[in-house]
Amino acid sequence: MKLWLDDLCENEFVEICGELISNDRYTPEGYIGVKTVREAIKLIKTGKVEYISFDHDLGASESGVEIHGNGYVVAKYIEKYAFLGTCGKIGWDVHSSNPVGRANIEAAMISAERRWIAVKL
């Protein structure tokens, strides 16, 4: 199974600066769209996730407080359980436009990859 982690993973309109704009960040064909950390981790725990494409910012309240977590939390979960030997190899990429979030996700996933290579998963 391939996951597309993004709070805007459906064809919908979003409000930006008071204007409704068509959302072009849709779930690509062949992927399952998930919007929250909880949804992503639930599917990862099944052991059936082969690939994940990360967004970093997964939505915030109107006051700017994160309400669905972020992609880095999912990447750290994968990294942790890769090192514990309970998360098999998962292919990945990052489609987030947040440069700091992207770098953090990449660092966690590269660390997980090192573990998978060390144990040849």
PDB file of N, CA and C in Angstrom:
ATOM      1  N   MET A   1       0.849  -1.163   0.000  1.00  0.00           N
ATOM      2  CA  MET A   1       0.000   0.000   0.000  1.00  0.00           C
ATOM      3  C   MET A   1       0.903   1.237   0.000  1.00  0.00           C
ATOM      4  N   LYS A   2       0.471   2.260  -0.721  1.00  0.00           N
ATOM      5  CA  LYS A   2       1.198   3.522  -0.803  1.00  0.00           C
ATOM      6  C   LYS A   2       0.362   4.615  -0.139  1.00  0.00           C
ATOM      7  N   LEU A   3       0.991   5.377   0.774  1.00  0.00           N
ATOM      8  CA  LEU A   3       0.295   6.439   1.486  1.00  0.00           C
ATOM      9  C   LEU A   3       0.690   7.814   0.962  1.00  0.00           C
ATOM     10  N   TRP A   4      -0.277   8.699   0.879  1.00  0.00           N
ATOM     11  CA  TRP A   4      -0.070  10.110   0.554  1.00  0.00           C
ATOM     12  C   TRP A   4      -0.503  10.880   1.801  1.00  0.00           C
ATOM     13  N   LEU A   5       0.468  11.335   2.602  1.00  0.00           N
ATOM     14  CA  LEU A   5       0.181  12.028   3.858  1.00  0.00           C
ATOM     15  C   LEU A   5       0.107  13.525   3.591  1.00  0.00           C
ATOM     16  N   ASP A   6      -1.102  14.073   3.670  1.00  0.00           N
ATOM     17  CA  ASP A   6      -1.302  15.490   3.360  1.00  0.00           C
ATOM     18  C   ASP A   6      -2.663  15.912   3.883  1.00  0.00           C
ATOM     19  N   ASP A   7      -2.721  17.040   4.588  1.00  0.00           N
ATOM     20  CA  ASP A   7      -4.017  17.504   5.094  1.00  0.00           C
ATOM     21  C   ASP A   7      -4.933  17.948   3.959  1.00  0.00           C
ATOM     22  N   LEU A   8      -4.384  18.234   2.797  1.00  0.00           N
ATOM     23  CA  LEU A   8      -5.183  18.637   1.637  1.00  0.00           C
ATOM     24  C   LEU A   8      -5.095  17.547   0.579  1.00  0.00           C
ATOM     25  N   CYS A   9      -5.498  16.352   0.927  1.00  0.00           N
ATOM     26  CA  CYS A   9      -5.293  15.226   0.016  1.00  0.00           C
ATOM     27  C   CYS A   9      -6.517  14.880  -0.811  1.00  0.00           C
ATOM     28  N   GLU A  10      -7.469  15.782  -0.865  1.00  0.00           N
ATOM     29  CA  GLU A  10      -8.649  15.538  -1.676  1.00  0.00           C
ATOM     30  C   GLU A  10      -8.808  16.697  -2.653  1.00  0.00           C
ATOM     31  N   ASN A  11      -9.519  16.458  -3.718  1.00  0.00           N
ATOM     32  CA  ASN A  11      -9.835  17.551  -4.631  1.00  0.00           C
ATOM     33  C   ASN A  11     -10.883  18.409  -3.946  1.00  0.00           C
ATOM     34  N   GLU A  12     -10.477  19.560  -3.503  1.00  0.00           N
ATOM     35  CA  GLU A  12     -11.380  20.443  -2.781  1.00  0.00           C
ATOM     36  C   GLU A  12     -10.900  21.876  -2.977  1.00  0.00           C
ATOM     37  N   PHE A  13     -11.713  22.801  -2.539  1.00  0.00           N
ATOM     38  CA  PHE A  13     -11.317  24.202  -2.591  1.00  0.00           C
ATOM     39  C   PHE A  13     -10.823  24.599  -1.210  1.00  0.00           C
ATOM     40  N   VAL A  14      -9.799  25.423  -1.176  1.00  0.00           N
ATOM     41  CA  VAL A  14      -9.266  25.921   0.085  1.00  0.00           C
ATOM     42  C   VAL A  14      -9.326  27.438   0.076  1.00  0.00           C
ATOM     43  N   GLU A  15      -9.437  28.013   1.270  1.00  0.00           N
ATOM     44  CA  GLU A  15      -9.482  29.467   1.376  1.00  0.00           C
ATOM     45  C   GLU A  15      -8.088  29.985   1.681  1.00  0.00           C
ATOM     46  N   ILE A  16      -7.586  30.838   0.817  1.00  0.00           N
ATOM     47  CA  ILE A  16      -6.286  31.453   1.007  1.00  0.00           C
ATOM     48  C   ILE A  16      -6.476  32.957   0.879  1.00  0.00           C
ATOM     49  N   CYS A  17      -6.132  33.673   1.932  1.00  0.00           N
ATOM     50  CA  CYS A  17      -6.284  35.136   1.967  1.00  0.00           C
ATOM     51  C   CYS A  17      -7.710  35.557   1.602  1.00  0.00           C
ATOM     52  N   GLY A  18      -8.698  34.820   2.116  1.00  0.00           N
ATOM     53  CA  GLY A  18     -10.090  35.168   1.887  1.00  0.00           C
ATOM     54  C   GLY A  18     -10.637  34.801   0.526  1.00  0.00           C
ATOM     55  N   GLU A  19      -9.861  34.079  -0.267  1.00  0.00           N
ATOM     56  CA  GLU A  19     -10.298  33.717  -1.619  1.00  0.00           C
ATOM     57  C   GLU A  19     -10.302  32.193  -1.770  1.00  0.00           C
ATOM     58  N   LEU A  20     -11.372  31.644  -2.340  1.00  0.00           N
ATOM     59  CA  LEU A  20     -11.440  30.200  -2.568  1.00  0.00           C
ATOM     60  C   LEU A  20     -10.614  29.855  -3.803  1.00  0.00           C
ATOM     61  N   ILE A  21      -9.688  28.930  -3.610  1.00  0.00           N
ATOM     62  CA  ILE A  21      -8.788  28.516  -4.684  1.00  0.00           C
ATOM     63  C   ILE A  21      -8.875  27.003  -4.806  1.00  0.00           C
ATOM     64  N   SER A  22      -8.867  26.508  -6.027  1.00  0.00           N
ATOM     65  CA  SER A  22      -8.899  25.070  -6.251  1.00  0.00           C
ATOM     66  C   SER A  22      -7.622  24.447  -5.706  1.00  0.00           C
ATOM     67  N   ASN A  23      -7.790  23.394  -4.921  1.00  0.00           N
ATOM     68  CA  ASN A  23      -6.651  22.681  -4.356  1.00  0.00           C
ATOM     69  C   ASN A  23      -6.102  21.719  -5.396  1.00  0.00           C
ATOM     70  N   ASP A  24      -4.856  21.914  -5.776  1.00  0.00           N
ATOM     71  CA  ASP A  24      -4.259  21.008  -6.756  1.00  0.00           C
ATOM     72  C   ASP A  24      -3.389  19.946  -6.096  1.00  0.00           C
ATOM     73  N   ARG A  25      -3.445  19.869  -4.762  1.00  0.00           N
ATOM     74  CA  ARG A  25      -2.706  18.821  -4.051  1.00  0.00           C
ATOM     75  C   ARG A  25      -3.664  17.673  -3.783  1.00  0.00           C
ATOM     76  N   TYR A  26      -3.864  16.854  -4.751  1.00  0.00           N
ATOM     77  CA  TYR A  26      -4.798  15.748  -4.643  1.00  0.00           C
ATOM     78  C   TYR A  26      -4.018  14.468  -4.382  1.00  0.00           C
ATOM     79  N   THR A  27      -4.728  13.448  -3.988  1.00  0.00           N
ATOM     80  CA  THR A  27      -4.109  12.150  -3.790  1.00  0.00           C
ATOM     81  C   THR A  27      -3.861  11.520  -5.150  1.00  0.00           C
ATOM     82  N   PRO A  28      -2.605  11.267  -5.483  1.00  0.00           N
ATOM     83  CA  PRO A  28      -2.313  10.668  -6.791  1.00  0.00           C
ATOM     84  C   PRO A  28      -2.908   9.266  -6.915  1.00  0.00           C
ATOM     85  N   GLU A  29      -3.140   8.879  -8.137  1.00  0.00           N
ATOM     86  CA  GLU A  29      -3.664   7.537  -8.406  1.00  0.00           C
ATOM     87  C   GLU A  29      -2.712   6.492  -7.833  1.00  0.00           C
ATOM     88  N   GLY A  30      -3.279   5.489  -7.219  1.00  0.00           N
ATOM     89  CA  GLY A  30      -2.487   4.402  -6.646  1.00  0.00           C
ATOM     90  C   GLY A  30      -2.110   4.616  -5.186  1.00  0.00           C
ATOM     91  N   TYR A  31      -2.417   5.786  -4.644  1.00  0.00           N
ATOM     92  CA  TYR A  31      -2.113   6.102  -3.247  1.00  0.00           C
ATOM     93  C   TYR A  31      -3.391   6.125  -2.422  1.00  0.00           C
ATOM     94  N   ILE A  32      -3.246   5.912  -1.121  1.00  0.00           N
ATOM     95  CA  ILE A  32      -4.322   6.110  -0.164  1.00  0.00           C
ATOM     96  C   ILE A  32      -4.026   7.417   0.543  1.00  0.00           C
ATOM     97  N   GLY A  33      -4.946   8.358   0.490  1.00  0.00           N
ATOM     98  CA  GLY A  33      -4.755   9.649   1.138  1.00  0.00           C
ATOM     99  C   GLY A  33      -5.077   9.581   2.615  1.00  0.00           C
ATOM    100  N   VAL A  34      -4.154  10.068   3.438  1.00  0.00           N
ATOM    101  CA  VAL A  34      -4.379  10.180   4.879  1.00  0.00           C
ATOM    102  C   VAL A  34      -4.039  11.601   5.304  1.00  0.00           C
ATOM    103  N   LYS A  35      -4.834  12.133   6.226  1.00  0.00           N
ATOM    104  CA  LYS A  35      -4.699  13.539   6.604  1.00  0.00           C
ATOM    105  C   LYS A  35      -4.052  13.770   7.961  1.00  0.00           C
ATOM    106  N   THR A  36      -3.948  12.733   8.785  1.00  0.00           N
ATOM    107  CA  THR A  36      -3.460  12.936  10.152  1.00  0.00           C
ATOM    108  C   THR A  36      -2.367  11.938  10.509  1.00  0.00           C
ATOM    109  N   VAL A  37      -1.617  12.301  11.536  1.00  0.00           N
ATOM    110  CA  VAL A  37      -0.586  11.408  12.074  1.00  0.00           C
ATOM    111  C   VAL A  37      -1.232  10.103  12.527  1.00  0.00           C
ATOM    112  N   ARG A  38      -2.344  10.207  13.220  1.00  0.00           N
ATOM    113  CA  ARG A  38      -3.025   9.025  13.748  1.00  0.00           C
ATOM    114  C   ARG A  38      -3.411   8.050  12.625  1.00  0.00           C
ATOM    115  N   GLU A  39      -3.983   8.572  11.536  1.00  0.00           N
ATOM    116  CA  GLU A  39      -4.372   7.718  10.403  1.00  0.00           C
ATOM    117  C   GLU A  39      -3.152   7.044   9.786  1.00  0.00           C
ATOM    118  N   ALA A  40      -2.078   7.808   9.606  1.00  0.00           N
ATOM    119  CA  ALA A  40      -0.871   7.258   8.985  1.00  0.00           C
ATOM    120  C   ALA A  40      -0.264   6.147   9.837  1.00  0.00           C
ATOM    121  N   ILE A  41      -0.115   6.402  11.124  1.00  0.00           N
ATOM    122  CA  ILE A  41       0.496   5.404  12.011  1.00  0.00           C
ATOM    123  C   ILE A  41      -0.374   4.158  12.101  1.00  0.00           C
ATOM    124  N   LYS A  42      -1.679   4.328  12.116  1.00  0.00           N
ATOM    125  CA  LYS A  42      -2.583   3.172  12.155  1.00  0.00           C
ATOM    126  C   LYS A  42      -2.321   2.254  10.955  1.00  0.00           C
ATOM    127  N   LEU A  43      -2.148   2.837   9.772  1.00  0.00           N
ATOM    128  CA  LEU A  43      -1.889   2.025   8.587  1.00  0.00           C
ATOM    129  C   LEU A  43      -0.477   1.456   8.585  1.00  0.00           C
ATOM    130  N   ILE A  44       0.495   2.222   9.056  1.00  0.00           N
ATOM    131  CA  ILE A  44       1.878   1.720   9.130  1.00  0.00           C
ATOM    132  C   ILE A  44       1.947   0.502  10.045  1.00  0.00           C
ATOM    133  N   LYS A  45       1.203   0.535  11.142  1.00  0.00           N
ATOM    134  CA  LYS A  45       1.196  -0.587  12.091  1.00  0.00           C
ATOM    135  C   LYS A  45       0.702  -1.887  11.469  1.00  0.00           C
ATOM    136  N   THR A  46      -0.050  -1.815  10.374  1.00  0.00           N
ATOM    137  CA  THR A  46      -0.532  -3.044   9.734  1.00  0.00           C
ATOM    138  C   THR A  46       0.605  -3.805   9.059  1.00  0.00           C
ATOM    139  N   GLY A  47       1.722  -3.121   8.795  1.00  0.00           N
ATOM    140  CA  GLY A  47       2.840  -3.750   8.102  1.00  0.00           C
ATOM    141  C   GLY A  47       2.653  -3.812   6.599  1.00  0.00           C
ATOM    142  N   LYS A  48       1.601  -3.200   6.086  1.00  0.00           N
ATOM    143  CA  LYS A  48       1.301  -3.279   4.656  1.00  0.00           C
ATOM    144  C   LYS A  48       1.723  -2.038   3.875  1.00  0.00           C
ATOM    145  N   VAL A  49       2.254  -1.032   4.560  1.00  0.00           N
ATOM    146  CA  VAL A  49       2.672   0.193   3.873  1.00  0.00           C
ATOM    147  C   VAL A  49       4.046  -0.051   3.245  1.00  0.00           C
ATOM    148  N   GLU A  50       4.099   0.103   1.929  1.00  0.00           N
ATOM    149  CA  GLU A  50       5.350  -0.087   1.189  1.00  0.00           C
ATOM    150  C   GLU A  50       6.019   1.236   0.853  1.00  0.00           C
ATOM    151  N   TYR A  51       5.220   2.309   0.826  1.00  0.00           N
ATOM    152  CA  TYR A  51       5.731   3.602   0.372  1.00  0.00           C
ATOM    153  C   TYR A  51       4.893   4.705   1.007  1.00  0.00           C
ATOM    154  N   ILE A  52       5.549   5.833   1.341  1.00  0.00           N
ATOM    155  CA  ILE A  52       4.831   6.980   1.885  1.00  0.00           C
ATOM    156  C   ILE A  52       5.416   8.262   1.304  1.00  0.00           C
ATOM    157  N   SER A  53       4.530   9.158   0.909  1.00  0.00           N
ATOM    158  CA  SER A  53       4.928  10.493   0.463  1.00  0.00           C
ATOM    159  C   SER A  53       4.457  11.475   1.535  1.00  0.00           C
ATOM    160  N   PHE A  54       5.403  12.241   2.082  1.00  0.00           N
ATOM    161  CA  PHE A  54       5.143  13.098   3.235  1.00  0.00           C
ATOM    162  C   PHE A  54       4.863  14.552   2.878  1.00  0.00           C
ATOM    163  N   ASP A  55       3.846  15.107   3.517  1.00  0.00           N
ATOM    164  CA  ASP A  55       3.712  16.544   3.677  1.00  0.00           C
ATOM    165  C   ASP A  55       4.138  16.799   5.111  1.00  0.00           C
ATOM    166  N   HIS A  56       4.610  17.998   5.412  1.00  0.00           N
ATOM    167  CA  HIS A  56       4.980  18.288   6.792  1.00  0.00           C
ATOM    168  C   HIS A  56       3.809  18.861   7.571  1.00  0.00           C
ATOM    169  N   ASP A  57       3.241  19.953   7.104  1.00  0.00           N
ATOM    170  CA  ASP A  57       2.201  20.672   7.840  1.00  0.00           C
ATOM    171  C   ASP A  57       0.833  20.043   7.574  1.00  0.00           C
ATOM    172  N   LEU A  58       0.266  19.450   8.613  1.00  0.00           N
ATOM    173  CA  LEU A  58      -0.976  18.694   8.437  1.00  0.00           C
ATOM    174  C   LEU A  58      -2.200  19.411   8.984  1.00  0.00           C
ATOM    175  N   GLY A  59      -2.170  20.705   8.995  1.00  0.00           N
ATOM    176  CA  GLY A  59      -3.349  21.466   9.385  1.00  0.00           C
ATOM    177  C   GLY A  59      -3.223  22.088  10.751  1.00  0.00           C
ATOM    178  N   ALA A  60      -3.811  23.262  10.870  1.00  0.00           N
ATOM    179  CA  ALA A  60      -3.774  24.001  12.128  1.00  0.00           C
ATOM    180  C   ALA A  60      -5.138  24.644  12.365  1.00  0.00           C
ATOM    181  N   SER A  61      -5.383  24.958  13.607  1.00  0.00           N
ATOM    182  CA  SER A  61      -6.607  25.679  13.943  1.00  0.00           C
ATOM    183  C   SER A  61      -6.463  27.114  13.437  1.00  0.00           C
ATOM    184  N   GLU A  62      -7.534  27.879  13.539  1.00  0.00           N
ATOM    185  CA  GLU A  62      -7.481  29.276  13.093  1.00  0.00           C
ATOM    186  C   GLU A  62      -6.462  30.088  13.876  1.00  0.00           C
ATOM    187  N   SER A  63      -6.130  29.656  15.091  1.00  0.00           N
ATOM    188  CA  SER A  63      -5.135  30.372  15.893  1.00  0.00           C
ATOM    189  C   SER A  63      -3.710  29.947  15.541  1.00  0.00           C
ATOM    190  N   GLY A  64      -3.578  28.976  14.621  1.00  0.00           N
ATOM    191  CA  GLY A  64      -2.247  28.537  14.194  1.00  0.00           C
ATOM    192  C   GLY A  64      -1.700  27.348  14.949  1.00  0.00           C
ATOM    193  N   VAL A  65      -2.476  26.789  15.876  1.00  0.00           N
ATOM    194  CA  VAL A  65      -2.032  25.641  16.655  1.00  0.00           C
ATOM    195  C   VAL A  65      -2.231  24.368  15.820  1.00  0.00           C
ATOM    196  N   GLU A  66      -1.161  23.539  15.741  1.00  0.00           N
ATOM    197  CA  GLU A  66      -1.282  22.275  15.004  1.00  0.00           C
ATOM    198  C   GLU A  66      -2.358  21.408  15.641  1.00  0.00           C
ATOM    199  N   ILE A  67      -3.250  20.863  14.815  1.00  0.00           N
ATOM    200  CA  ILE A  67      -4.298  20.002  15.358  1.00  0.00           C
ATOM    201  C   ILE A  67      -4.185  18.564  14.865  1.00  0.00           C
ATOM    202  N   HIS A  68      -3.427  18.351  13.808  1.00  0.00           N
ATOM    203  CA  HIS A  68      -3.278  16.993  13.279  1.00  0.00           C
ATOM    204  C   HIS A  68      -1.830  16.525  13.307  1.00  0.00           C
ATOM    205  N   GLY A  69      -0.957  17.234  13.990  1.00  0.00           N
ATOM    206  CA  GLY A  69       0.445  16.873  14.031  1.00  0.00           C
ATOM    207  C   GLY A  69       1.138  17.281  12.738  1.00  0.00           C
ATOM    208  N   ASN A  70       2.267  16.639  12.470  1.00  0.00           N
ATOM    209  CA  ASN A  70       2.989  16.930  11.239  1.00  0.00           C
ATOM    210  C   ASN A  70       3.702  15.684  10.740  1.00  0.00           C
ATOM    211  N   GLY A  71       4.133  15.744   9.497  1.00  0.00           N
ATOM    212  CA  GLY A  71       4.760  14.585   8.876  1.00  0.00           C
ATOM    213  C   GLY A  71       6.026  14.127   9.575  1.00  0.00           C
ATOM    214  N   TYR A  72       6.709  15.049  10.240  1.00  0.00           N
ATOM    215  CA  TYR A  72       7.925  14.687  10.965  1.00  0.00           C
ATOM    216  C   TYR A  72       7.620  13.696  12.085  1.00  0.00           C
ATOM    217  N   VAL A  73       6.472  13.836  12.728  1.00  0.00           N
ATOM    218  CA  VAL A  73       6.085  12.900  13.791  1.00  0.00           C
ATOM    219  C   VAL A  73       5.963  11.486  13.216  1.00  0.00           C
ATOM    220  N   VAL A  74       5.400  11.360  12.035  1.00  0.00           N
ATOM    221  CA  VAL A  74       5.277  10.048  11.385  1.00  0.00           C
ATOM    222  C   VAL A  74       6.656   9.509  11.023  1.00  0.00           C
ATOM    223  N   ALA A  75       7.514  10.371  10.484  1.00  0.00           N
ATOM    224  CA  ALA A  75       8.872   9.938  10.119  1.00  0.00           C
ATOM    225  C   ALA A  75       9.647   9.481  11.357  1.00  0.00           C
ATOM    226  N   LYS A  76       9.510  10.193  12.474  1.00  0.00           N
ATOM    227  CA  LYS A  76      10.187   9.784  13.714  1.00  0.00           C
ATOM    228  C   LYS A  76       9.622   8.460  14.234  1.00  0.00           C
ATOM    229  N   TYR A  77       8.328   8.246  14.067  1.00  0.00           N
ATOM    230  CA  TYR A  77       7.727   6.969  14.453  1.00  0.00           C
ATOM    231  C   TYR A  77       8.365   5.839  13.641  1.00  0.00           C
ATOM    232  N   ILE A  78       8.452   6.028  12.333  1.00  0.00           N
ATOM    233  CA  ILE A  78       9.058   5.016  11.460  1.00  0.00           C
ATOM    234  C   ILE A  78      10.503   4.783  11.865  1.00  0.00           C
ATOM    235  N   GLU A  79      11.244   5.863  12.098  1.00  0.00           N
ATOM    236  CA  GLU A  79      12.654   5.741  12.492  1.00  0.00           C
ATOM    237  C   GLU A  79      12.792   4.936  13.783  1.00  0.00           C
ATOM    238  N   LYS A  80      11.999   5.276  14.773  1.00  0.00           N
ATOM    239  CA  LYS A  80      12.072   4.582  16.066  1.00  0.00           C
ATOM    240  C   LYS A  80      11.826   3.085  15.906  1.00  0.00           C
ATOM    241  N   TYR A  81      10.759   2.740  15.192  1.00  0.00           N
ATOM    242  CA  TYR A  81      10.407   1.329  15.085  1.00  0.00           C
ATOM    243  C   TYR A  81      11.284   0.573  14.089  1.00  0.00           C
ATOM    244  N   ALA A  82      11.925   1.283  13.188  1.00  0.00           N
ATOM    245  CA  ALA A  82      12.949   0.643  12.340  1.00  0.00           C
ATOM    246  C   ALA A  82      14.102   0.196  13.225  1.00  0.00           C
ATOM    247  N   PHE A  83      14.514   1.052  14.164  1.00  0.00           N
ATOM    248  CA  PHE A  83      15.614   0.709  15.062  1.00  0.00           C
ATOM    249  C   PHE A  83      15.234  -0.374  16.056  1.00  0.00           C
ATOM    250  N   LEU A  84      13.954  -0.466  16.384  1.00  0.00           N
ATOM    251  CA  LEU A  84      13.496  -1.535  17.281  1.00  0.00           C
ATOM    252  C   LEU A  84      13.255  -2.846  16.520  1.00  0.00           C
ATOM    253  N   GLY A  85      13.335  -2.763  15.202  1.00  0.00           N
ATOM    254  CA  GLY A  85      13.160  -3.960  14.376  1.00  0.00           C
ATOM    255  C   GLY A  85      11.716  -4.350  14.134  1.00  0.00           C
ATOM    256  N   THR A  86      10.786  -3.448  14.404  1.00  0.00           N
ATOM    257  CA  THR A  86       9.375  -3.791  14.231  1.00  0.00           C
ATOM    258  C   THR A  86       8.710  -3.045  13.078  1.00  0.00           C
ATOM    259  N   CYS A  87       9.476  -2.279  12.326  1.00  0.00           N
ATOM    260  CA  CYS A  87       8.947  -1.587  11.151  1.00  0.00           C
ATOM    261  C   CYS A  87       9.829  -1.941   9.968  1.00  0.00           C
ATOM    262  N   GLY A  88       9.262  -2.701   9.046  1.00  0.00           N
ATOM    263  CA  GLY A  88      10.010  -3.092   7.856  1.00  0.00           C
ATOM    264  C   GLY A  88      10.258  -1.910   6.939  1.00  0.00           C
ATOM    265  N   LYS A  89      11.105  -2.121   5.952  1.00  0.00           N
ATOM    266  CA  LYS A  89      11.515  -1.076   5.015  1.00  0.00           C
ATOM    267  C   LYS A  89      10.310  -0.460   4.300  1.00  0.00           C
ATOM    268  N   ILE A  90      10.316   0.865   4.278  1.00  0.00           N
ATOM    269  CA  ILE A  90       9.262   1.641   3.611  1.00  0.00           C
ATOM    270  C   ILE A  90       9.951   2.634   2.679  1.00  0.00           C
ATOM    271  N   GLY A  91       9.596   2.613   1.405  1.00  0.00           N
ATOM    272  CA  GLY A  91      10.089   3.626   0.477  1.00  0.00           C
ATOM    273  C   GLY A  91       9.418   4.953   0.797  1.00  0.00           C
ATOM    274  N   TRP A  92      10.036   6.048   0.390  1.00  0.00           N
ATOM    275  CA  TRP A  92       9.489   7.342   0.784  1.00  0.00           C
ATOM    276  C   TRP A  92       9.950   8.472  -0.118  1.00  0.00           C
ATOM    277  N   ASP A  93       9.199   9.564  -0.057  1.00  0.00           N
ATOM    278  CA  ASP A  93       9.623  10.851  -0.610  1.00  0.00           C
ATOM    279  C   ASP A  93       8.904  11.935   0.184  1.00  0.00           C
ATOM    280  N   VAL A  94       9.291  13.175  -0.056  1.00  0.00           N
ATOM    281  CA  VAL A  94       8.695  14.303   0.653  1.00  0.00           C
ATOM    282  C   VAL A  94       8.167  15.281  -0.390  1.00  0.00           C
ATOM    283  N   HIS A  95       6.881  15.593  -0.321  1.00  0.00           N
ATOM    284  CA  HIS A  95       6.306  16.576  -1.242  1.00  0.00           C
ATOM    285  C   HIS A  95       5.986  17.899  -0.547  1.00  0.00           C
ATOM    286  N   SER A  96       6.403  18.061   0.700  1.00  0.00           N
ATOM    287  CA  SER A  96       6.154  19.282   1.458  1.00  0.00           C
ATOM    288  C   SER A  96       6.946  20.453   0.892  1.00  0.00           C
ATOM    289  N   SER A  97       6.344  21.630   0.929  1.00  0.00           N
ATOM    290  CA  SER A  97       7.062  22.830   0.508  1.00  0.00           C
ATOM    291  C   SER A  97       7.677  23.564   1.708  1.00  0.00           C
ATOM    292  N   ASN A  98       7.557  23.001   2.901  1.00  0.00           N
ATOM    293  CA  ASN A  98       8.157  23.570   4.104  1.00  0.00           C
ATOM    294  C   ASN A  98       9.612  23.094   4.164  1.00  0.00           C
ATOM    295  N   PRO A  99      10.592  23.984   3.941  1.00  0.00           N
ATOM    296  CA  PRO A  99      11.989  23.530   3.845  1.00  0.00           C
ATOM    297  C   PRO A  99      12.542  22.934   5.132  1.00  0.00           C
ATOM    298  N   VAL A 100      12.190  23.484   6.279  1.00  0.00           N
ATOM    299  CA  VAL A 100      12.677  22.934   7.547  1.00  0.00           C
ATOM    300  C   VAL A 100      12.008  21.595   7.826  1.00  0.00           C
ATOM    301  N   GLY A 101      10.695  21.536   7.615  1.00  0.00           N
ATOM    302  CA  GLY A 101       9.979  20.275   7.797  1.00  0.00           C
ATOM    303  C   GLY A 101      10.505  19.194   6.875  1.00  0.00           C
ATOM    304  N   ARG A 102      10.764  19.562   5.612  1.00  0.00           N
ATOM    305  CA  ARG A 102      11.318  18.617   4.644  1.00  0.00           C
ATOM    306  C   ARG A 102      12.655  18.056   5.140  1.00  0.00           C
ATOM    307  N   ALA A 103      13.533  18.944   5.586  1.00  0.00           N
ATOM    308  CA  ALA A 103      14.860  18.514   6.050  1.00  0.00           C
ATOM    309  C   ALA A 103      14.745  17.574   7.253  1.00  0.00           C
ATOM    310  N   ASN A 104      13.840  17.879   8.171  1.00  0.00           N
ATOM    311  CA  ASN A 104      13.666  17.028   9.350  1.00  0.00           C
ATOM    312  C   ASN A 104      13.132  15.646   8.976  1.00  0.00           C
ATOM    313  N   ILE A 105      12.146  15.608   8.088  1.00  0.00           N
ATOM    314  CA  ILE A 105      11.598  14.321   7.635  1.00  0.00           C
ATOM    315  C   ILE A 105      12.685  13.517   6.935  1.00  0.00           C
ATOM    316  N   GLU A 106      13.430  14.158   6.043  1.00  0.00           N
ATOM    317  CA  GLU A 106      14.501  13.468   5.318  1.00  0.00           C
ATOM    318  C   GLU A 106      15.535  12.889   6.283  1.00  0.00           C
ATOM    319  N   ALA A 107      15.923  13.656   7.306  1.00  0.00           N
ATOM    320  CA  ALA A 107      16.906  13.170   8.277  1.00  0.00           C
ATOM    321  C   ALA A 107      16.408  11.927   9.008  1.00  0.00           C
ATOM    322  N   ALA A 108      15.147  11.948   9.449  1.00  0.00           N
ATOM    323  CA  ALA A 108      14.594  10.788  10.158  1.00  0.00           C
ATOM    324  C   ALA A 108      14.521   9.569   9.245  1.00  0.00           C
ATOM    325  N   MET A 109      14.089   9.771   8.005  1.00  0.00           N
ATOM    326  CA  MET A 109      13.935   8.634   7.097  1.00  0.00           C
ATOM    327  C   MET A 109      15.290   8.094   6.623  1.00  0.00           C
ATOM    328  N   ILE A 110      16.275   8.954   6.458  1.00  0.00           N
ATOM    329  CA  ILE A 110      17.626   8.486   6.114  1.00  0.00           C
ATOM    330  C   ILE A 110      18.189   7.663   7.261  1.00  0.00           C
ATOM    331  N   SER A 111      17.916   8.080   8.486  1.00  0.00           N
ATOM    332  CA  SER A 111      18.336   7.306   9.651  1.00  0.00           C
ATOM    333  C   SER A 111      17.666   5.928   9.648  1.00  0.00           C
ATOM    334  N   ALA A 112      16.368   5.889   9.356  1.00  0.00           N
ATOM    335  CA  ALA A 112      15.665   4.601   9.280  1.00  0.00           C
ATOM    336  C   ALA A 112      16.261   3.735   8.175  1.00  0.00           C
ATOM    337  N   GLU A 113      16.571   4.349   7.035  1.00  0.00           N
ATOM    338  CA  GLU A 113      17.174   3.591   5.930  1.00  0.00           C
ATOM    339  C   GLU A 113      18.501   2.969   6.341  1.00  0.00           C
ATOM    340  N   ARG A 114      19.298   3.702   7.092  1.00  0.00           N
ATOM    341  CA  ARG A 114      20.583   3.151   7.561  1.00  0.00           C
ATOM    342  C   ARG A 114      20.351   1.884   8.383  1.00  0.00           C
ATOM    343  N   ARG A 115      19.324   1.912   9.203  1.00  0.00           N
ATOM    344  CA  ARG A 115      19.006   0.737  10.025  1.00  0.00           C
ATOM    345  C   ARG A 115      18.555  -0.432   9.157  1.00  0.00           C
ATOM    346  N   TRP A 116      17.678  -0.135   8.169  1.00  0.00           N
ATOM    347  CA  TRP A 116      17.200  -1.203   7.300  1.00  0.00           C
ATOM    348  C   TRP A 116      18.348  -1.809   6.516  1.00  0.00           C
ATOM    349  N   ILE A 117      19.298  -0.990   6.082  1.00  0.00           N
ATOM    350  CA  ILE A 117      20.459  -1.499   5.347  1.00  0.00           C
ATOM    351  C   ILE A 117      21.323  -2.347   6.266  1.00  0.00           C
ATOM    352  N   ALA A 118      21.521  -1.892   7.514  1.00  0.00           N
ATOM    353  CA  ALA A 118      22.359  -2.619   8.467  1.00  0.00           C
ATOM    354  C   ALA A 118      21.818  -4.012   8.762  1.00  0.00           C
ATOM    355  N   VAL A 119      20.499  -4.147   8.774  1.00  0.00           N
ATOM    356  CA  VAL A 119      19.908  -5.458   9.054  1.00  0.00           C
ATOM    357  C   VAL A 119      19.394  -6.123   7.783  1.00  0.00           C
ATOM    358  N   LYS A 120      19.664  -5.482   6.638  1.00  0.00           N
ATOM    359  CA  LYS A 120      19.319  -6.008   5.309  1.00  0.00           C
ATOM    360  C   LYS A 120      17.838  -6.356   5.168  1.00  0.00           C
ATOM    361  N   LEU A 121      16.978  -5.376   5.511  1.00  0.00           N
ATOM    362  CA  LEU A 121      15.528  -5.560   5.330  1.00  0.00           C
ATOM    363  C   LEU A 121      15.131  -5.090   3.964  1.00  0.00           C
TER     364      LEU A 121
END
